[in-house]
Amino acid sequence: MTHHPILLTTEPKADTAGPLPPWLRVKVKKAALTEKTSRRLGSYGVATVCEQAHCPNIGECYSHGTATFLIMGTVCTRNCRFCAIDSGRPQPLDSQEPQHVAEAAVDLGLDFVVVTCVTRDDLPDGGASHFVATIQAIRDRLPAAGVEVLTSDFGGDKSALARVLEAEPTVFNHNVETVRRLQSEIRPQADYDRSLGMLAAAGQIAPHIPTKSGLIVGMGEANDEIRQTMTDLADVGVSILTIGQYLQPTRRHRPVSRYVPPDEFDLYEQWGVQAGLAYVLSGPFVRSSYHAAEAARAVLAK
């Protein structure tokens, strides 16, 4: 895999919603440490969603020696309108990737490892067995570490979901991404009810494993739709919810409808708790794996 250097900027790319407001200016974090983490990861040939998805928190996370691993390649079989990851025909799975992820996690000294994936609708099990192999490899090398998996919907295949849960991840995460009304525009190959069904099934199959989901706002949703989504997620047993601002990766992606001010993110957190969610992390730069270890520990301690 070609390793691409990190490009540090002071703010995300502007888009059609107008100039970026002050609260969306990214602080550059210790460039030398960030580049060091990037080089270390590159030496193992592993990918991270931090780089592939243009995450605005990459400086903060890499400077602290943490990252979210992206498995099963860097090309997705789906074409979501918000996502910076390339869409197309993916390469065959690398059977050594689980070991490489585990080795990189050991090198970084991680005590909580987050693993996500591109969607692989081309695979019979959606990549579930590869997730299992990755969890097992991490457990073999870091038996005391927590492992959070952020998976696709596996095309609604609950047997694939069950195989992942049988590997005993610490947290199971699957994102609905946006409200019901916008699903067909934002995630044309996904389905809101399918995602809810997989989250509900996860809680039924492994009730001791916290379930988690994520929302991106600023894509045209209304506040009452956000509240309804929170209720829907709480009703299927989701414990943890992340909510963050959508930032347009390139001009070919969906434009930003609006920049949500920080006080509204605070309000979303209150609404989520009122809806019955155990832990809500809400803010402009919050992403699915942002402060994942803290969220997991808070929920597991309850």
Protein backbone atom coordinates (compact mmCIF):
# COMPACT_ATOMS: atom_id res chain seq x y z
CA MET A 1 0.00 0.00 0.00
CA THR A 2 1.36 3.42 -0.87
CA HIS A 3 1.84 5.58 2.19
CA HIS A 4 0.74 9.17 1.78
CA PRO A 5 2.21 11.93 3.96
CA ILE A 6 -0.06 13.94 6.22
CA LEU A 7 -0.84 17.44 5.06
CA LEU A 8 -1.41 19.68 8.08
CA THR A 9 -3.64 22.69 7.61
CA THR A 10 -5.05 25.23 10.02
CA GLU A 11 -8.65 24.72 8.93
CA PRO A 12 -10.83 22.32 6.94
CA LYS A 13 -11.70 22.93 3.30
CA ALA A 14 -14.33 25.62 2.79
CA ASP A 15 -17.50 24.76 0.87
CA THR A 16 -20.78 26.17 -0.38
CA ALA A 17 -22.17 26.95 3.08
CA GLY A 18 -19.90 29.99 3.14
CA PRO A 19 -16.82 30.88 5.17
CA LEU A 20 -15.88 28.58 8.00
CA PRO A 21 -16.98 29.97 11.38
CA PRO A 22 -14.38 30.50 14.10
CA TRP A 23 -15.32 27.35 16.02
CA LEU A 24 -14.32 25.17 13.05
CA ARG A 25 -10.71 26.26 12.91
CA VAL A 26 -8.47 23.28 13.56
CA LYS A 27 -5.48 23.73 15.81
CA VAL A 28 -2.37 22.16 14.31
CA LYS A 29 -1.03 19.66 16.84
CA LYS A 30 2.70 19.03 17.13
CA ALA A 31 3.50 18.40 13.49
CA ALA A 32 6.65 16.41 14.24
CA LEU A 33 4.77 13.92 16.43
CA THR A 34 1.97 13.68 13.87
CA GLU A 35 4.41 12.84 11.08
CA LYS A 36 6.17 10.33 13.34
CA THR A 37 2.91 8.42 13.92
CA SER A 38 2.13 8.54 10.20
CA ARG A 39 5.53 7.06 9.35
CA ARG A 40 5.21 4.34 12.00
CA LEU A 41 1.84 3.29 10.66
CA GLY A 42 3.15 3.35 7.11
CA SER A 43 5.95 0.99 8.04
CA TYR A 44 3.34 -1.69 8.80
CA GLY A 45 1.41 -1.06 5.58
CA VAL A 46 -1.81 -0.38 7.46
CA ALA A 47 -4.43 2.22 6.57
CA THR A 48 -6.27 4.55 8.92
CA VAL A 49 -9.62 6.21 8.49
CA CYS A 50 -7.91 9.30 9.91
CA GLU A 51 -6.03 9.75 6.63
CA GLN A 52 -8.43 8.17 4.16
CA ALA A 53 -11.49 10.10 5.39
CA HIS A 54 -9.65 13.42 5.87
CA CYS A 55 -10.52 13.54 9.57
CA PRO A 56 -10.04 17.04 11.08
CA ASN A 57 -8.82 15.46 14.34
CA ILE A 58 -5.84 13.73 12.76
CA GLY A 59 -3.35 16.17 14.27
CA GLU A 60 -4.75 15.72 17.76
CA CYS A 61 -4.91 11.93 17.58
CA TYR A 62 -1.65 11.30 15.72
CA SER A 63 0.25 13.67 18.00
CA HIS A 64 -0.88 11.48 20.91
CA GLY A 65 0.09 8.30 19.06
CA THR A 66 -3.46 7.06 18.45
CA ALA A 67 -5.30 6.17 15.26
CA THR A 68 -8.38 4.34 13.95
CA PHE A 69 -7.43 1.44 11.71
CA LEU A 70 -9.18 0.97 8.37
CA ILE A 71 -9.26 -2.65 7.22
CA MET A 72 -10.18 -4.49 4.01
CA GLY A 73 -8.53 -1.94 1.75
CA THR A 74 -9.11 1.71 0.96
CA VAL A 75 -11.74 1.36 -1.79
CA CYS A 76 -15.40 1.04 -0.80
CA THR A 77 -18.11 -0.76 -2.78
CA ARG A 78 -20.60 1.96 -1.82
CA ASN A 79 -20.71 5.61 -2.77
CA CYS A 80 -22.01 7.66 0.15
CA ARG A 81 -22.30 11.36 -0.61
CA PHE A 82 -20.53 12.54 2.54
CA CYS A 83 -17.53 10.21 2.60
CA ALA A 84 -14.03 10.97 1.32
CA ILE A 85 -13.04 7.31 0.91
CA ASP A 86 -12.74 6.21 -2.71
CA SER A 87 -15.54 4.12 -4.24
CA GLY A 88 -15.03 1.43 -6.83
CA ARG A 89 -13.76 -2.12 -7.26
CA PRO A 90 -11.73 -3.11 -4.18
CA GLN A 91 -8.65 -5.29 -4.11
CA PRO A 92 -8.67 -8.84 -2.66
CA LEU A 93 -8.32 -9.06 1.10
CA ASP A 94 -4.82 -9.15 2.55
CA SER A 95 -4.68 -12.19 4.82
CA GLN A 96 -1.78 -10.63 6.74
CA GLU A 97 -3.63 -7.40 7.49
CA PRO A 98 -5.00 -8.52 10.90
CA GLN A 99 -1.46 -9.28 12.08
CA HIS A 100 -0.16 -5.98 10.73
CA VAL A 101 -2.90 -4.06 12.54
CA ALA A 102 -2.06 -5.87 15.79
CA GLU A 103 1.66 -5.18 15.34
CA ALA A 104 0.99 -1.48 14.70
CA ALA A 105 -1.25 -1.30 17.79
CA VAL A 106 1.54 -2.81 19.88
CA ASP A 107 4.08 -0.36 18.44
CA LEU A 108 1.81 2.58 19.30
CA GLY A 109 1.26 1.23 22.82
CA LEU A 110 -2.53 1.33 22.49
CA ASP A 111 -4.73 0.14 25.33
CA PHE A 112 -7.91 0.73 23.30
CA VAL A 113 -7.95 -0.15 19.61
CA VAL A 114 -10.62 1.08 17.18
CA VAL A 115 -11.03 -0.79 13.90
CA THR A 116 -13.34 0.23 11.06
CA CYS A 117 -13.65 -0.81 7.43
CA VAL A 118 -14.67 0.07 3.94
CA THR A 119 -17.96 -1.60 3.01
CA ARG A 120 -17.29 -4.83 1.11
CA ASP A 121 -20.55 -5.87 -0.52
CA ASP A 122 -18.45 -8.00 -2.87
CA LEU A 123 -17.58 -10.46 -0.08
CA PRO A 124 -19.99 -13.28 0.87
CA ASP A 125 -19.94 -12.31 4.55
CA GLY A 126 -19.30 -8.59 4.04
CA GLY A 127 -15.89 -9.01 5.63
CA ALA A 128 -17.12 -10.34 8.98
CA SER A 129 -14.50 -13.09 9.08
CA HIS A 130 -11.77 -10.49 8.47
CA PHE A 131 -13.06 -8.48 11.42
CA VAL A 132 -12.94 -11.65 13.55
CA ALA A 133 -9.35 -12.34 12.50
CA THR A 134 -8.39 -8.75 13.32
CA ILE A 135 -10.00 -8.84 16.77
CA GLN A 136 -8.29 -12.14 17.52
CA ALA A 137 -4.90 -10.85 16.35
CA ILE A 138 -5.22 -7.79 18.59
CA ARG A 139 -6.31 -9.94 21.55
CA ASP A 140 -3.33 -12.25 21.02
CA ARG A 141 -0.86 -9.36 21.10
CA LEU A 142 -2.69 -7.01 23.50
CA PRO A 143 -4.87 -9.20 25.75
CA ALA A 144 -5.71 -6.34 28.12
CA ALA A 145 -6.67 -3.84 25.42
CA GLY A 146 -10.21 -2.81 24.60
CA VAL A 147 -11.33 -3.27 20.99
CA GLU A 148 -14.09 -1.27 19.34
CA VAL A 149 -15.31 -2.31 15.90
CA LEU A 150 -17.15 0.07 13.59
CA THR A 151 -18.67 -2.16 10.92
CA SER A 152 -20.81 -1.87 7.82
CA ASP A 153 -24.37 -3.23 7.89
CA PHE A 154 -23.12 -6.51 6.31
CA GLY A 155 -26.03 -6.17 3.90
CA GLY A 156 -28.39 -7.04 6.75
CA ASP A 157 -26.76 -10.46 7.28
CA LYS A 158 -27.29 -11.16 10.99
CA SER A 159 -25.21 -14.34 10.87
CA ALA A 160 -22.22 -12.23 9.79
CA LEU A 161 -22.98 -9.84 12.63
CA ALA A 162 -23.14 -12.74 15.09
CA ARG A 163 -19.69 -13.95 14.04
CA VAL A 164 -18.18 -10.55 14.80
CA LEU A 165 -19.91 -10.38 18.19
CA GLU A 166 -18.76 -13.90 19.08
CA ALA A 167 -15.19 -12.54 18.86
CA GLU A 168 -16.09 -10.37 21.88
CA PRO A 169 -15.27 -6.80 20.86
CA THR A 170 -15.50 -4.35 23.76
CA VAL A 171 -17.90 -2.09 21.81
CA PHE A 172 -19.91 -2.71 18.63
CA ASN A 173 -20.45 0.39 16.49
CA HIS A 174 -22.50 0.90 13.35
CA ASN A 175 -23.39 4.40 12.15
CA VAL A 176 -26.78 5.48 10.83
CA GLU A 177 -24.96 8.67 9.71
CA THR A 178 -28.05 10.80 9.03
CA VAL A 179 -31.79 11.06 9.66
CA ARG A 180 -34.32 8.79 7.98
CA ARG A 181 -35.49 11.34 5.36
CA LEU A 182 -31.96 11.91 4.00
CA GLN A 183 -30.81 8.29 3.86
CA SER A 184 -31.50 7.74 0.16
CA GLU A 185 -29.62 10.92 -0.75
CA ILE A 186 -26.69 10.47 1.63
CA ARG A 187 -26.36 6.66 1.76
CA PRO A 188 -28.06 5.42 -1.43
CA GLN A 189 -26.89 1.80 -1.00
CA ALA A 190 -27.74 1.62 2.69
CA ASP A 191 -31.05 1.63 4.54
CA TYR A 192 -32.10 3.31 7.79
CA ASP A 193 -34.28 0.45 9.01
CA ARG A 194 -31.62 -2.11 8.07
CA SER A 195 -29.11 -0.20 10.20
CA LEU A 196 -31.53 -0.01 13.12
CA GLY A 197 -32.23 -3.72 12.70
CA MET A 198 -28.55 -4.59 12.88
CA LEU A 199 -28.07 -2.46 16.01
CA ALA A 200 -31.11 -4.09 17.62
CA ALA A 201 -29.81 -7.54 16.69
CA ALA A 202 -26.40 -6.76 18.17
CA GLY A 203 -28.03 -6.01 21.50
CA GLN A 204 -30.04 -9.22 21.35
CA ILE A 205 -27.12 -11.43 20.34
CA ALA A 206 -24.62 -9.94 22.82
CA PRO A 207 -26.44 -7.82 25.43
CA HIS A 208 -23.23 -7.44 27.46
CA ILE A 209 -21.50 -5.59 24.59
CA PRO A 210 -22.43 -1.87 24.39
CA THR A 211 -23.73 -0.74 21.02
CA LYS A 212 -22.86 2.59 19.51
CA SER A 213 -23.87 4.73 16.54
CA GLY A 214 -23.04 8.06 14.97
CA LEU A 215 -24.71 11.04 13.30
CA ILE A 216 -23.30 13.73 11.05
CA VAL A 217 -25.21 17.02 11.07
CA GLY A 218 -25.25 19.99 8.72
CA MET A 219 -26.52 18.02 5.72
CA GLY A 220 -30.07 19.38 5.65
CA GLU A 221 -31.70 17.63 8.59
CA ALA A 222 -34.14 19.37 10.96
CA ASN A 223 -33.77 19.34 14.72
CA ASP A 224 -36.96 17.36 15.23
CA GLU A 225 -35.52 14.70 12.90
CA ILE A 226 -32.34 14.57 14.98
CA ARG A 227 -34.43 14.05 18.13
CA GLN A 228 -36.42 11.30 16.43
CA THR A 229 -33.22 9.57 15.34
CA MET A 230 -31.98 9.64 18.93
CA THR A 231 -35.24 8.08 20.08
CA ASP A 232 -35.01 5.43 17.36
CA LEU A 233 -31.48 4.55 18.42
CA ALA A 234 -32.34 4.43 22.12
CA ASP A 235 -35.35 2.22 21.34
CA VAL A 236 -33.10 -0.43 19.74
CA GLY A 237 -30.74 -0.40 22.71
CA VAL A 238 -27.91 1.85 21.54
CA SER A 239 -25.84 3.06 24.50
CA ILE A 240 -23.36 5.50 22.92
CA LEU A 241 -23.98 8.17 20.27
CA THR A 242 -21.50 10.50 18.58
CA ILE A 243 -22.66 13.65 16.77
CA GLY A 244 -20.38 15.86 14.67
CA GLN A 245 -20.38 18.51 11.97
CA TYR A 246 -20.30 17.45 8.32
CA LEU A 247 -17.42 19.00 6.37
CA GLN A 248 -17.44 18.65 2.58
CA PRO A 249 -14.34 16.61 1.60
CA THR A 250 -14.29 17.72 -2.06
CA ARG A 251 -16.45 19.71 -4.46
CA ARG A 252 -17.98 16.49 -5.82
CA HIS A 253 -19.41 15.61 -2.40
CA ARG A 254 -22.65 16.89 -0.93
CA PRO A 255 -22.41 20.58 0.03
CA VAL A 256 -22.71 21.58 3.66
CA SER A 257 -26.19 22.94 4.40
CA ARG A 258 -25.17 24.78 7.54
CA TYR A 259 -22.52 24.99 10.24
CA VAL A 260 -24.09 24.00 13.54
CA PRO A 261 -22.96 26.27 16.40
CA PRO A 262 -21.42 24.72 19.53
CA ASP A 263 -24.38 25.54 21.77
CA GLU A 264 -26.64 23.43 19.55
CA PHE A 265 -24.25 20.50 19.92
CA ASP A 266 -24.59 20.93 23.68
CA LEU A 267 -28.35 20.82 23.23
CA TYR A 268 -28.11 17.61 21.19
CA GLU A 269 -26.24 16.00 24.07
CA GLN A 270 -29.07 16.90 26.44
CA TRP A 271 -31.68 15.57 24.01
CA GLY A 272 -29.80 12.30 23.64
CA VAL A 273 -29.69 11.70 27.36
CA GLN A 274 -33.38 12.58 27.61
CA ALA A 275 -34.10 10.05 24.85
CA GLY A 276 -32.47 7.32 26.92
CA LEU A 277 -28.95 7.09 25.50
CA ALA A 278 -26.36 6.35 28.17
CA TYR A 279 -23.55 8.45 26.71
CA VAL A 280 -23.65 11.19 24.07
CA LEU A 281 -20.53 12.88 22.71
CA SER A 282 -21.57 15.89 20.65
CA GLY A 283 -19.45 18.65 19.15
CA PRO A 284 -18.30 20.17 15.86
CA PHE A 285 -15.22 17.93 15.55
CA VAL A 286 -16.66 14.79 17.10
CA ARG A 287 -16.26 11.71 14.91
CA SER A 288 -17.19 8.06 15.42
CA SER A 289 -13.98 7.08 17.19
CA TYR A 290 -13.30 10.39 18.94
CA HIS A 291 -12.56 9.69 22.63
CA ALA A 292 -13.83 6.16 22.06
CA ALA A 293 -12.01 4.71 25.06
CA GLU A 294 -13.51 7.26 27.45
CA ALA A 295 -17.02 6.62 26.15
CA ALA A 296 -16.62 2.86 26.44
CA ARG A 297 -15.26 3.04 29.97
CA ALA A 298 -18.03 5.39 31.09
CA VAL A 299 -20.75 3.07 29.80
CA LEU A 300 -19.13 -0.13 31.04
CA ALA A 301 -18.70 1.39 34.50
CA LYS A 302 -22.45 1.95 34.83
